[in-house]
Protein backbone atom coordinates (compact mmCIF):
# COMPACT_ATOMS: atom_id res chain seq x y z
CA UNK A 1 256.70 36.66 78.20
CA UNK A 2 259.94 38.23 77.04
CA UNK A 3 259.79 41.00 74.46
CA UNK A 4 262.53 41.29 71.88
CA UNK A 5 263.46 44.94 71.35
CA UNK A 6 263.02 44.40 67.61
CA UNK A 7 259.37 43.35 68.24
CA UNK A 8 258.32 46.35 70.31
CA UNK A 9 255.58 48.49 68.87
CA UNK A 10 256.26 52.17 69.37
CA UNK A 11 253.81 55.01 70.00
CA UNK A 12 251.31 52.69 71.70
CA UNK A 13 250.95 51.07 75.13
CA UNK A 14 252.32 47.50 75.30
CA UNK A 15 252.08 45.02 78.18
CA UNK A 16 255.59 44.52 79.62
CA UNK A 17 257.54 43.95 82.80
CA UNK A 18 259.78 46.59 84.32
CA UNK A 19 262.80 44.51 83.26
CA UNK A 20 261.61 44.46 79.63
CA UNK A 21 261.06 48.21 79.72
CA UNK A 22 264.53 48.82 81.18
CA UNK A 23 266.13 46.56 78.53
CA UNK A 24 264.28 48.39 75.74
CA UNK A 25 265.38 51.78 77.02
CA UNK A 26 269.01 50.54 77.09
CA UNK A 27 268.79 49.51 73.40
CA UNK A 28 270.69 51.98 71.15
CA UNK A 29 267.84 52.03 68.60
CA UNK A 30 265.70 53.84 71.20
CA UNK A 31 268.43 56.33 72.18
CA UNK A 32 266.40 59.35 71.03
CA UNK A 33 263.03 58.09 72.22
CA UNK A 34 260.94 58.80 75.29
CA UNK A 35 259.82 55.89 77.41
CA UNK A 36 256.98 55.54 79.89
CA UNK A 37 256.08 52.68 82.24
CA UNK A 38 252.81 52.44 84.18
CA UNK A 39 251.10 49.51 85.90
CA UNK A 40 252.66 46.77 83.75
CA UNK A 41 252.50 48.67 80.46
CA UNK A 42 255.20 50.54 78.59
CA UNK A 43 255.14 53.09 75.81
CA UNK A 44 258.10 54.16 73.70
CA UNK A 45 257.62 57.32 71.64
CA UNK A 46 260.00 57.86 68.78
CA UNK A 47 261.24 61.35 67.98
CA UNK A 48 260.16 62.80 64.63
CA UNK A 49 262.81 62.38 61.96
CA UNK A 50 263.68 64.35 58.87
CA UNK A 51 264.16 67.92 57.78
CA UNK A 52 260.45 68.62 57.18
CA UNK A 53 259.86 69.52 60.83
CA UNK A 54 262.87 71.84 60.88
CA UNK A 55 261.85 73.48 57.61
CA UNK A 56 258.35 74.15 58.97
CA UNK A 57 259.71 75.70 62.15
CA UNK A 58 262.18 77.80 60.16
CA UNK A 59 259.42 79.02 57.85
CA UNK A 60 257.22 79.97 60.80
CA UNK A 61 260.08 81.85 62.41
CA UNK A 62 260.85 83.68 59.15
CA UNK A 63 257.20 84.73 58.81
CA UNK A 64 257.15 86.11 62.34
CA UNK A 65 260.45 87.86 61.82
CA UNK A 66 259.15 89.56 58.66
CA UNK A 67 256.09 90.82 60.52
CA UNK A 68 258.28 92.11 63.34
CA UNK A 69 260.58 93.98 60.92
CA UNK A 70 257.58 95.58 59.17
CA UNK A 71 256.41 97.28 62.36
């Protein structure tokens, strides 16, 4: 069975050969992902996208900084 990189489910384990895994990891659409291969299964984890994560981290940092300055 040959997997097309457009058919790969991400964030779950999928049955695949090493060659299919290597081809998927070479695909530019997975450039910012993490890939794992174990005993005939692969998993591609996509990085979180968007500014929401950054805003949350910035807010947390600002809260800690305010507490630090108050001491």
